[in-house]
C-alpha atoms as a PDB file:
ATOM      1  CA  MET A   1      -5.427 -12.488 151.842  1.00  0.00           C
ATOM      2  CA  ASN A   2      -8.576 -10.441 151.908  1.00  0.00           C
ATOM      3  CA  ARG A   3     -10.034 -10.590 155.374  1.00  0.00           C
ATOM      4  CA  ASP A   4     -13.441  -9.242 156.306  1.00  0.00           C
ATOM      5  CA  PHE A   5     -13.663  -7.656 159.736  1.00  0.00           C
ATOM      6  CA  THR A   6     -17.025  -6.166 159.148  1.00  0.00           C
ATOM      7  CA  LEU A   7     -20.099  -6.563 161.485  1.00  0.00           C
ATOM      8  CA  CYS A   8     -23.305  -5.393 159.821  1.00  0.00           C
ATOM      9  CA  ASN A   9     -26.804  -5.297 161.317  1.00  0.00           C
ATOM     10  CA  ILE A  10     -25.981  -7.170 164.507  1.00  0.00           C
ATOM     11  CA  SER A  11     -28.922  -8.080 166.680  1.00  0.00           C
ATOM     12  CA  SER A  12     -29.199 -10.684 169.420  1.00  0.00           C
ATOM     13  CA  ASP A  13     -30.371 -13.457 167.261  1.00  0.00           C
ATOM     14  CA  ILE A  14     -28.816 -16.358 165.388  1.00  0.00           C
ATOM     15  CA  ASN A  15     -27.513 -14.215 162.500  1.00  0.00           C
ATOM     16  CA  GLY A  16     -25.841 -11.713 164.855  1.00  0.00           C
ATOM     17  CA  TYR A  17     -24.158 -14.396 166.887  1.00  0.00           C
ATOM     18  CA  GLN A  18     -22.983 -16.172 163.767  1.00  0.00           C
ATOM     19  CA  GLN A  19     -21.347 -12.915 162.533  1.00  0.00           C
ATOM     20  CA  LEU A  20     -19.476 -12.761 165.818  1.00  0.00           C
ATOM     21  CA  ILE A  21     -18.347 -16.335 165.491  1.00  0.00           C
ATOM     22  CA  ASN A  22     -17.153 -15.582 161.866  1.00  0.00           C
ATOM     23  CA  LEU A  23     -15.245 -12.498 163.122  1.00  0.00           C
ATOM     24  CA  GLN A  24     -13.677 -14.554 165.986  1.00  0.00           C
ATOM     25  CA  ASN A  25     -12.598 -17.315 163.567  1.00  0.00           C
ATOM     26  CA  THR A  26     -11.121 -14.819 161.176  1.00  0.00           C
ATOM     27  CA  ILE A  27      -9.035 -13.295 163.948  1.00  0.00           C
ATOM     28  CA  LEU A  28      -7.985 -16.583 165.577  1.00  0.00           C
ATOM     29  CA  PRO A  29      -4.944 -17.302 163.297  1.00  0.00           C
ATOM     30  CA  LEU A  30      -3.650 -13.722 163.250  1.00  0.00           C
ATOM     31  CA  SER A  31      -0.619 -12.513 165.106  1.00  0.00           C
ATOM     32  CA  PHE A  32       1.019  -8.970 164.907  1.00  0.00           C
ATOM     33  CA  GLU A  33      -1.290  -7.776 162.340  1.00  0.00           C
ATOM     34  CA  GLU A  34      -3.721  -4.775 161.874  1.00  0.00           C
ATOM     35  CA  VAL A  35      -7.314  -5.785 162.604  1.00  0.00           C
ATOM     36  CA  PRO A  36      -9.537  -2.884 161.388  1.00  0.00           C
ATOM     37  CA  ILE A  37     -13.149  -3.389 162.702  1.00  0.00           C
ATOM     38  CA  LYS A  38     -16.047  -2.026 160.761  1.00  0.00           C
ATOM     39  CA  ILE A  39     -19.573  -1.878 162.402  1.00  0.00           C
ATOM     40  CA  CYS A  40     -22.376  -0.755 160.189  1.00  0.00           C
ATOM     41  CA  THR A  41     -26.148  -0.266 160.155  1.00  0.00           C
ATOM     42  CA  TRP A  42     -26.962  -1.622 163.720  1.00  0.00           C
ATOM     43  CA  PHE A  43     -25.172  -3.234 166.726  1.00  0.00           C
ATOM     44  CA  ASP A  44     -27.194  -4.397 169.861  1.00  0.00           C
ATOM     45  CA  ALA A  45     -25.256  -2.675 172.615  1.00  0.00           C
ATOM     46  CA  ASN A  46     -25.379  -5.765 174.982  1.00  0.00           C
ATOM     47  CA  LEU A  47     -23.318  -7.613 172.401  1.00  0.00           C
ATOM     48  CA  ALA A  48     -20.392  -5.335 173.297  1.00  0.00           C
ATOM     49  CA  ALA A  49     -19.766  -8.102 175.938  1.00  0.00           C
ATOM     50  CA  PRO A  50     -18.836 -10.918 173.477  1.00  0.00           C
ATOM     51  CA  LEU A  51     -17.253  -8.461 171.118  1.00  0.00           C
ATOM     52  CA  GLY A  52     -14.936  -7.245 173.887  1.00  0.00           C
ATOM     53  CA  GLY A  53     -13.823 -10.886 174.441  1.00  0.00           C
ATOM     54  CA  ILE A  54     -13.082 -11.456 170.778  1.00  0.00           C
ATOM     55  CA  LEU A  55     -11.091  -8.269 170.392  1.00  0.00           C
ATOM     56  CA  ASP A  56      -9.224  -8.912 173.652  1.00  0.00           C
ATOM     57  CA  TYR A  57      -8.001 -12.170 172.271  1.00  0.00           C
ATOM     58  CA  ALA A  58      -6.885 -10.364 169.125  1.00  0.00           C
ATOM     59  CA  GLU A  59      -4.855  -7.984 171.156  1.00  0.00           C
ATOM     60  CA  SER A  60      -3.369 -10.823 173.224  1.00  0.00           C
ATOM     61  CA  LYS A  61      -1.860 -12.200 170.082  1.00  0.00           C
ATOM     62  CA  GLY A  62      -0.020  -8.925 169.438  1.00  0.00           C
ATOM     63  CA  ASN A  63      -2.542  -7.643 166.889  1.00  0.00           C
ATOM     64  CA  THR A  64      -3.545  -3.891 166.659  1.00  0.00           C
ATOM     65  CA  VAL A  65      -7.322  -3.551 166.851  1.00  0.00           C
ATOM     66  CA  ARG A  66      -8.867  -0.450 165.470  1.00  0.00           C
ATOM     67  CA  ILE A  67     -12.521   0.269 165.323  1.00  0.00           C
ATOM     68  CA  ASP A  68     -12.291   3.026 162.744  1.00  0.00           C
ATOM     69  CA  SER A  69     -15.577   2.698 160.761  1.00  0.00           C
ATOM     70  CA  LEU A  70     -18.780   3.077 162.802  1.00  0.00           C
ATOM     71  CA  ASP A  71     -22.352   4.052 161.933  1.00  0.00           C
ATOM     72  CA  GLU A  72     -22.930   7.257 163.959  1.00  0.00           C
ATOM     73  CA  SER A  73     -25.688   5.902 166.025  1.00  0.00           C
ATOM     74  CA  VAL A  74     -23.758   2.718 166.818  1.00  0.00           C
ATOM     75  CA  LYS A  75     -20.786   4.896 167.821  1.00  0.00           C
ATOM     76  CA  ALA A  76     -22.769   7.062 170.176  1.00  0.00           C
ATOM     77  CA  ILE A  77     -24.280   4.187 172.080  1.00  0.00           C
ATOM     78  CA  LEU A  78     -21.004   2.349 172.392  1.00  0.00           C
ATOM     79  CA  GLN A  79     -19.424   5.546 173.687  1.00  0.00           C
ATOM     80  CA  LYS A  80     -22.191   5.967 176.277  1.00  0.00           C
ATOM     81  CA  ASN A  81     -21.845   2.409 177.678  1.00  0.00           C
ATOM     82  CA  GLY A  82     -18.087   2.770 177.964  1.00  0.00           C
ATOM     83  CA  PHE A  83     -17.106   0.020 175.444  1.00  0.00           C
ATOM     84  CA  LEU A  84     -15.252   2.302 172.894  1.00  0.00           C
ATOM     85  CA  ALA A  85     -13.264   3.873 175.779  1.00  0.00           C
ATOM     86  CA  HIS A  86     -11.105   0.750 175.452  1.00  0.00           C
ATOM     87  CA  PHE A  87     -10.314   1.617 171.932  1.00  0.00           C
ATOM     88  CA  GLY A  88      -9.334   5.241 172.170  1.00  0.00           C
ATOM     89  CA  TYR A  89     -12.779   6.973 172.062  1.00  0.00           C
ATOM     90  CA  PRO A  90     -13.976   9.425 174.704  1.00  0.00           C
ATOM     91  CA  GLN A  91     -16.958   8.318 176.843  1.00  0.00           C
ATOM     92  CA  ILE A  92     -19.980  10.458 176.499  1.00  0.00           C
ATOM     93  CA  SER A  93     -22.874  11.048 178.844  1.00  0.00           C
ATOM     94  CA  ASP A  94     -25.977   8.840 178.656  1.00  0.00           C
ATOM     95  CA  THR A  95     -28.551  11.558 179.048  1.00  0.00           C
ATOM     96  CA  HIS A  96     -31.464   9.180 178.277  1.00  0.00           C
ATOM     97  CA  LEU A  97     -30.131   6.541 180.914  1.00  0.00           C
ATOM     98  CA  THR A  98     -30.826   3.576 178.612  1.00  0.00           C
ATOM     99  CA  THR A  99     -27.347   1.849 178.975  1.00  0.00           C
ATOM    100  CA  ILE A 100     -26.171  -0.775 181.278  1.00  0.00           C
ATOM    101  CA  LYS A 101     -22.402  -0.110 181.283  1.00  0.00           C
ATOM    102  CA  TYR A 102     -19.876  -2.449 179.643  1.00  0.00           C
ATOM    103  CA  LEU A 103     -17.683  -4.277 182.137  1.00  0.00           C
ATOM    104  CA  LYS A 104     -14.605  -6.427 181.805  1.00  0.00           C
ATOM    105  CA  LEU A 105     -14.112  -8.251 185.073  1.00  0.00           C
ATOM    106  CA  LYS A 106     -11.589 -10.506 186.474  1.00  0.00           C
ATOM    107  CA  PRO A 107     -13.047 -13.816 187.693  1.00  0.00           C
ATOM    108  CA  THR A 108     -12.076 -12.743 191.269  1.00  0.00           C
ATOM    109  CA  ASP A 109     -14.264  -9.544 191.068  1.00  0.00           C
ATOM    110  CA  THR A 110     -17.291 -11.276 192.565  1.00  0.00           C
ATOM    111  CA  ARG A 111     -18.198  -8.404 195.043  1.00  0.00           C
ATOM    112  CA  TYR A 112     -18.116  -5.928 192.265  1.00  0.00           C
ATOM    113  CA  PHE A 113     -20.196  -7.931 189.982  1.00  0.00           C
ATOM    114  CA  HIS A 114     -22.706  -8.535 192.774  1.00  0.00           C
ATOM    115  CA  LEU A 115     -23.114  -4.845 193.227  1.00  0.00           C
ATOM    116  CA  TYR A 116     -23.314  -4.232 189.509  1.00  0.00           C
ATOM    117  CA  ILE A 117     -26.281  -6.767 189.140  1.00  0.00           C
ATOM    118  CA  LEU A 118     -28.046  -5.161 192.095  1.00  0.00           C
ATOM    119  CA  ASN A 119     -27.499  -1.554 191.303  1.00  0.00           C
ATOM    120  CA  ASP A 120     -27.106  -1.430 187.457  1.00  0.00           C
ATOM    121  CA  LEU A 121     -29.535  -4.140 186.393  1.00  0.00           C
ATOM    122  CA  LEU A 122     -32.125  -5.042 189.026  1.00  0.00           C
ATOM    123  CA  GLN A 123     -32.782  -1.449 190.209  1.00  0.00           C
ATOM    124  CA  ARG A 124     -33.769  -0.236 186.797  1.00  0.00           C
ATOM    125  CA  PRO A 125     -37.259   1.351 186.777  1.00  0.00           C
ATOM    126  CA  GLU A 126     -38.196  -0.278 183.466  1.00  0.00           C
ATOM    127  CA  LEU A 127     -38.269  -3.815 185.020  1.00  0.00           C
ATOM    128  CA  PRO A 128     -41.591  -5.420 185.892  1.00  0.00           C
ATOM    129  CA  ALA A 129     -42.432  -5.180 189.567  1.00  0.00           C
ATOM    130  CA  LEU A 130     -40.281  -7.827 191.211  1.00  0.00           C
ATOM    131  CA  GLY A 131     -40.779  -8.605 194.882  1.00  0.00           C
ATOM    132  CA  SER A 132     -37.728  -8.651 197.220  1.00  0.00           C
ATOM    133  CA  THR A 133     -37.522 -12.474 197.461  1.00  0.00           C
ATOM    134  CA  LEU A 134     -37.740 -12.948 193.712  1.00  0.00           C
ATOM    135  CA  LYS A 135     -35.274 -10.186 192.918  1.00  0.00           C
ATOM    136  CA  ARG A 136     -32.729 -11.754 195.199  1.00  0.00           C
ATOM    137  CA  LYS A 137     -33.315 -15.231 193.558  1.00  0.00           C
ATOM    138  CA  ILE A 138     -32.811 -13.698 190.159  1.00  0.00           C
ATOM    139  CA  ALA A 139     -29.636 -12.006 191.452  1.00  0.00           C
ATOM    140  CA  GLU A 140     -28.423 -15.319 192.862  1.00  0.00           C
ATOM    141  CA  SER A 141     -29.119 -16.991 189.558  1.00  0.00           C
ATOM    142  CA  ILE A 142     -27.191 -14.316 187.447  1.00  0.00           C
ATOM    143  CA  TYR A 143     -24.419 -14.452 190.087  1.00  0.00           C
ATOM    144  CA  GLU A 144     -24.309 -18.250 189.572  1.00  0.00           C
ATOM    145  CA  ILE A 145     -23.423 -17.674 185.922  1.00  0.00           C
ATOM    146  CA  PHE A 146     -20.467 -15.522 187.045  1.00  0.00           C
ATOM    147  CA  VAL A 147     -19.333 -18.186 189.626  1.00  0.00           C
ATOM    148  CA  ASN A 148     -19.468 -20.988 187.117  1.00  0.00           C
ATOM    149  CA  ALA A 149     -17.329 -18.978 184.666  1.00  0.00           C
ATOM    150  CA  GLN A 150     -14.994 -18.232 187.573  1.00  0.00           C
ATOM    151  CA  ILE A 151     -14.665 -21.767 188.760  1.00  0.00           C
ATOM    152  CA  HIS A 152     -14.882 -23.915 185.677  1.00  0.00           C
ATOM    153  CA  SER A 153     -14.544 -22.023 182.394  1.00  0.00           C
ATOM    154  CA  LYS A 154     -10.712 -21.191 182.742  1.00  0.00           C
ATOM    155  CA  THR A 155     -11.528 -17.747 181.424  1.00  0.00           C
ATOM    156  CA  SER A 156      -9.184 -14.676 181.985  1.00  0.00           C
ATOM    157  CA  PHE A 157     -12.007 -12.307 182.029  1.00  0.00           C
ATOM    158  CA  ILE A 158     -15.936 -12.085 182.280  1.00  0.00           C
ATOM    159  CA  TYR A 159     -17.755  -9.516 180.169  1.00  0.00           C
ATOM    160  CA  THR A 160     -21.175  -7.933 180.758  1.00  0.00           C
ATOM    161  CA  CYS A 161     -23.244  -5.231 179.107  1.00  0.00           C
ATOM    162  CA  GLY A 162     -26.812  -4.279 178.625  1.00  0.00           C
ATOM    163  CA  GLN A 163     -29.346  -1.864 177.009  1.00  0.00           C
ATOM    164  CA  PHE A 164     -32.846  -0.706 177.361  1.00  0.00           C
ATOM    165  CA  TYR A 165     -34.776  -0.171 174.166  1.00  0.00           C
ATOM    166  CA  PRO A 166     -37.944   1.891 174.937  1.00  0.00           C
ATOM    167  CA  GLN A 167     -39.526   1.534 171.612  1.00  0.00           C
ATOM    168  CA  LYS A 168     -39.214  -2.226 171.767  1.00  0.00           C
ATOM    169  CA  ASN A 169     -40.283  -2.346 175.440  1.00  0.00           C
ATOM    170  CA  GLU A 170     -37.168  -4.526 175.972  1.00  0.00           C
ATOM    171  CA  LEU A 171     -34.308  -4.652 178.350  1.00  0.00           C
ATOM    172  CA  ILE A 172     -31.408  -6.891 177.238  1.00  0.00           C
ATOM    173  CA  PHE A 173     -28.584  -8.051 179.272  1.00  0.00           C
ATOM    174  CA  THR A 174     -25.622 -10.265 178.284  1.00  0.00           C
ATOM    175  CA  ILE A 175     -22.833 -11.925 180.331  1.00  0.00           C
ATOM    176  CA  CYS A 176     -20.080 -13.974 178.578  1.00  0.00           C
ATOM    177  CA  ASP A 177     -16.714 -15.562 179.178  1.00  0.00           C
ATOM    178  CA  THR A 178     -13.959 -16.744 176.885  1.00  0.00           C
ATOM    179  CA  GLY A 179     -13.337 -20.106 178.474  1.00  0.00           C
ATOM    180  CA  ILE A 180     -13.798 -23.665 177.583  1.00  0.00           C
ATOM    181  CA  GLY A 181     -17.575 -23.596 177.234  1.00  0.00           C
ATOM    182  CA  PHE A 182     -20.555 -25.718 178.715  1.00  0.00           C
ATOM    183  CA  LYS A 183     -19.673 -28.932 176.946  1.00  0.00           C
ATOM    184  CA  GLU A 184     -16.046 -29.295 178.110  1.00  0.00           C
ATOM    185  CA  THR A 185     -16.960 -28.109 181.549  1.00  0.00           C
ATOM    186  CA  ILE A 186     -19.491 -30.859 181.989  1.00  0.00           C
ATOM    187  CA  GLN A 187     -17.235 -33.382 180.326  1.00  0.00           C
ATOM    188  CA  ASN A 188     -14.508 -32.497 182.686  1.00  0.00           C
ATOM    189  CA  ARG A 189     -16.790 -32.735 185.779  1.00  0.00           C
ATOM    190  CA  PHE A 190     -18.539 -35.985 184.900  1.00  0.00           C
ATOM    191  CA  ASN A 191     -16.000 -37.656 182.571  1.00  0.00           C
ATOM    192  CA  LYS A 192     -18.668 -38.180 179.951  1.00  0.00           C
ATOM    193  CA  LYS A 193     -18.799 -36.925 176.372  1.00  0.00           C
ATOM    194  CA  VAL A 194     -21.789 -34.698 175.594  1.00  0.00           C
ATOM    195  CA  SER A 195     -22.861 -32.632 172.696  1.00  0.00           C
ATOM    196  CA  ALA A 196     -23.162 -28.841 172.935  1.00  0.00           C
ATOM    197  CA  LYS A 197     -26.974 -29.228 173.070  1.00  0.00           C
ATOM    198  CA  GLN A 198     -26.860 -31.843 175.763  1.00  0.00           C
ATOM    199  CA  ALA A 199     -24.622 -29.557 177.850  1.00  0.00           C
ATOM    200  CA  ILE A 200     -26.944 -26.528 177.443  1.00  0.00           C
ATOM    201  CA  LEU A 201     -30.022 -28.478 178.215  1.00  0.00           C
ATOM    202  CA  TRP A 202     -28.304 -29.970 181.216  1.00  0.00           C
ATOM    203  CA  ALA A 203     -27.291 -26.537 182.562  1.00  0.00           C
ATOM    204  CA  ILE A 204     -30.908 -25.151 182.394  1.00  0.00           C
ATOM    205  CA  THR A 205     -32.409 -28.134 184.460  1.00  0.00           C
ATOM    206  CA  ASP A 206     -33.341 -27.101 187.916  1.00  0.00           C
ATOM    207  CA  GLY A 207     -30.957 -28.530 190.523  1.00  0.00           C
ATOM    208  CA  HIS A 208     -28.006 -29.240 188.249  1.00  0.00           C
ATOM    209  CA  THR A 209     -24.561 -28.052 189.282  1.00  0.00           C
ATOM    210  CA  THR A 210     -21.105 -28.720 188.286  1.00  0.00           C
ATOM    211  CA  LYS A 211     -19.787 -27.930 191.765  1.00  0.00           C
ATOM    212  CA  VAL A 212     -18.331 -30.911 193.688  1.00  0.00           C
ATOM    213  CA  ASP A 213     -20.060 -32.145 196.852  1.00  0.00           C
ATOM    214  CA  ILE A 214     -23.088 -29.877 196.220  1.00  0.00           C
ATOM    215  CA  SER A 215     -26.431 -31.676 195.758  1.00  0.00           C
ATOM    216  CA  GLY A 216     -28.358 -28.899 193.952  1.00  0.00           C
ATOM    217  CA  GLY A 217     -27.554 -25.513 192.201  1.00  0.00           C
ATOM    218  CA  ILE A 218     -29.446 -22.365 191.517  1.00  0.00           C
ATOM    219  CA  GLY A 219     -28.369 -22.767 187.894  1.00  0.00           C
ATOM    220  CA  LEU A 220     -30.285 -21.162 185.086  1.00  0.00           C
ATOM    221  CA  ALA A 221     -33.666 -22.531 185.921  1.00  0.00           C
ATOM    222  CA  ILE A 222     -35.068 -19.667 187.884  1.00  0.00           C
ATOM    223  CA  LEU A 223     -34.242 -17.236 185.023  1.00  0.00           C
ATOM    224  CA  LYS A 224     -35.773 -19.609 182.615  1.00  0.00           C
ATOM    225  CA  ASP A 225     -39.034 -19.664 184.640  1.00  0.00           C
ATOM    226  CA  PHE A 226     -39.089 -15.925 185.029  1.00  0.00           C
ATOM    227  CA  ILE A 227     -38.571 -15.301 181.340  1.00  0.00           C
ATOM    228  CA  VAL A 228     -41.473 -17.718 180.479  1.00  0.00           C
ATOM    229  CA  GLN A 229     -43.887 -15.785 182.629  1.00  0.00           C
ATOM    230  CA  ASN A 230     -42.559 -12.528 181.436  1.00  0.00           C
ATOM    231  CA  LYS A 231     -42.918 -13.497 177.799  1.00  0.00           C
ATOM    232  CA  GLY A 232     -39.295 -12.545 177.225  1.00  0.00           C
ATOM    233  CA  THR A 233     -36.404 -14.327 175.625  1.00  0.00           C
ATOM    234  CA  PHE A 234     -33.529 -16.232 177.094  1.00  0.00           C
ATOM    235  CA  GLN A 235     -30.488 -17.426 175.099  1.00  0.00           C
ATOM    236  CA  ILE A 236     -27.436 -19.576 175.604  1.00  0.00           C
ATOM    237  CA  ILE A 237     -24.588 -19.790 173.088  1.00  0.00           C
ATOM    238  CA  SER A 238     -21.773 -22.207 173.870  1.00  0.00           C
ATOM    239  CA  ASN A 239     -19.453 -24.144 171.470  1.00  0.00           C
ATOM    240  CA  ASP A 240     -21.596 -24.593 168.321  1.00  0.00           C
ATOM    241  CA  GLY A 241     -24.848 -24.639 170.215  1.00  0.00           C
ATOM    242  CA  PHE A 242     -27.592 -22.013 170.262  1.00  0.00           C
ATOM    243  CA  TYR A 243     -30.485 -22.420 172.643  1.00  0.00           C
ATOM    244  CA  GLU A 244     -33.471 -19.873 172.791  1.00  0.00           C
ATOM    245  CA  LEU A 245     -36.496 -19.763 174.825  1.00  0.00           C
ATOM    246  CA  SER A 246     -38.908 -17.086 173.454  1.00  0.00           C
ATOM    247  CA  ASN A 247     -42.501 -16.521 174.279  1.00  0.00           C
ATOM    248  CA  GLY A 248     -42.610 -19.861 175.925  1.00  0.00           C
ATOM    249  CA  ASN A 249     -41.189 -21.691 172.943  1.00  0.00           C
ATOM    250  CA  GLU A 250     -37.813 -23.542 172.953  1.00  0.00           C
ATOM    251  CA  LYS A 251     -35.576 -23.928 169.974  1.00  0.00           C
ATOM    252  CA  TYR A 252     -32.091 -25.273 169.493  1.00  0.00           C
ATOM    253  CA  THR A 253     -29.757 -24.984 166.529  1.00  0.00           C
ATOM    254  CA  SER A 254     -26.177 -25.159 165.600  1.00  0.00           C
ATOM    255  CA  PHE A 255     -23.758 -22.580 164.372  1.00  0.00           C
ATOM    256  CA  SER A 256     -21.203 -22.967 161.646  1.00  0.00           C
ATOM    257  CA  GLY A 257     -18.098 -22.908 163.913  1.00  0.00           C
ATOM    258  CA  ASP A 258     -17.657 -22.663 167.686  1.00  0.00           C
ATOM    259  CA  ILE A 259     -17.774 -19.652 169.908  1.00  0.00           C
ATOM    260  CA  HIS A 260     -14.886 -19.639 172.444  1.00  0.00           C
ATOM    261  CA  GLY A 261     -16.563 -19.627 175.838  1.00  0.00           C
ATOM    262  CA  SER A 262     -20.198 -19.087 176.417  1.00  0.00           C
ATOM    263  CA  ILE A 263     -22.799 -16.317 176.201  1.00  0.00           C
ATOM    264  CA  VAL A 264     -26.078 -15.822 178.211  1.00  0.00           C
ATOM    265  CA  THR A 265     -28.498 -13.222 177.083  1.00  0.00           C
ATOM    266  CA  MET A 266     -31.753 -12.194 178.668  1.00  0.00           C
ATOM    267  CA  LYS A 267     -34.346 -10.040 177.007  1.00  0.00           C
ATOM    268  CA  ILE A 268     -36.890  -8.874 179.426  1.00  0.00           C
ATOM    269  CA  ASN A 269     -40.263  -7.574 178.366  1.00  0.00           C
ATOM    270  CA  THR A 270     -40.707  -4.216 180.091  1.00  0.00           C
ATOM    271  CA  ASN A 271     -44.322  -4.016 178.989  1.00  0.00           C
ATOM    272  CA  ASP A 272     -45.207  -6.556 181.531  1.00  0.00           C
ATOM    273  CA  THR A 273     -47.558  -5.254 184.327  1.00  0.00           C
ATOM    274  CA  THR A 274     -47.448  -8.531 186.375  1.00  0.00           C
ATOM    275  CA  GLN A 275     -46.550  -8.211 190.126  1.00  0.00           C
ATOM    276  CA  TYR A 276     -44.015 -10.867 190.568  1.00  0.00           C
ATOM    277  CA  ASP A 277     -42.967 -12.427 193.806  1.00  0.00           C
ATOM    278  CA  ILE A 278     -42.399 -15.731 195.521  1.00  0.00           C
ATOM    279  CA  PRO A 279     -43.086 -16.502 199.206  1.00  0.00           C
ATOM    280  CA  ALA A 280     -40.230 -15.436 201.538  1.00  0.00           C
ATOM    281  CA  GLU A 281     -38.253 -18.404 202.741  1.00  0.00           C
ATOM    282  CA  THR A 282     -37.375 -18.883 206.500  1.00  0.00           C
ATOM    283  CA  ASP A 283     -33.683 -19.507 205.766  1.00  0.00           C
ATOM    284  CA  ILE A 284     -32.317 -18.396 202.377  1.00  0.00           C
ATOM    285  CA  PHE A 285     -28.609 -19.262 202.066  1.00  0.00           C
ATOM    286  CA  ASP A 286     -26.729 -16.037 201.493  1.00  0.00           C
ATOM    287  CA  ILE A 287     -24.201 -16.715 198.731  1.00  0.00           C
ATOM    288  CA  PHE A 288     -22.912 -13.206 198.855  1.00  0.00           C
END
């Protein structure tokens, strides 16, 4: 059988995610075979996170994964962020300091993830001016994504990666897992069937949480609010659902096939000169 393991011109958009889903579904039935990955033309470096999850699954089935055909510019950036080190390539220095390193974390690595978000993402000089209270709230919100994957998704690992694109004035960060997805998580918690769209829209509503005996959750709402003001982009991919908030406009569509797990991507507009902050609270619960 002729199988296509090619990813070509992969950006953080509906087409790029669909190609990743197609690759995943090509790999799913394989065991103890050669999987020669080809990446051509372009590959958004933050998408090393979901690609890492897909290729880990391939290796867990006894397949031999090779990344043996790469566009040279793609190869360089994936060596700089550490992704290709997992596939036999040497890591090279990021002299321009544009990468946010690729991480494959166990769900128990909460402390390490916390430090990674604070130091590798939220301290970047390209970000808009964020006051200390808002920065902490954003950190908590991203941390909540990690915790939800840890508690509910039944994932073995959580993957993250990011990239700053100076010419686009854009900082992109992605976190993903390979668990059961938003839909099954909510169905398990509330014993109610929902669609992928309903599950995603529920997750971005302020105060919603799947934790037992907790009345409200940080959830994804604060990230959504910040992205609206920043004129950035916020995406959620789970099951066959794709949600995007961009320049204040929301859209939802469906993929052909399901992604295993969920992906959350933030595109932050670094050309934003707004001074962001929210009033300090007298008693902020310290989840760390």
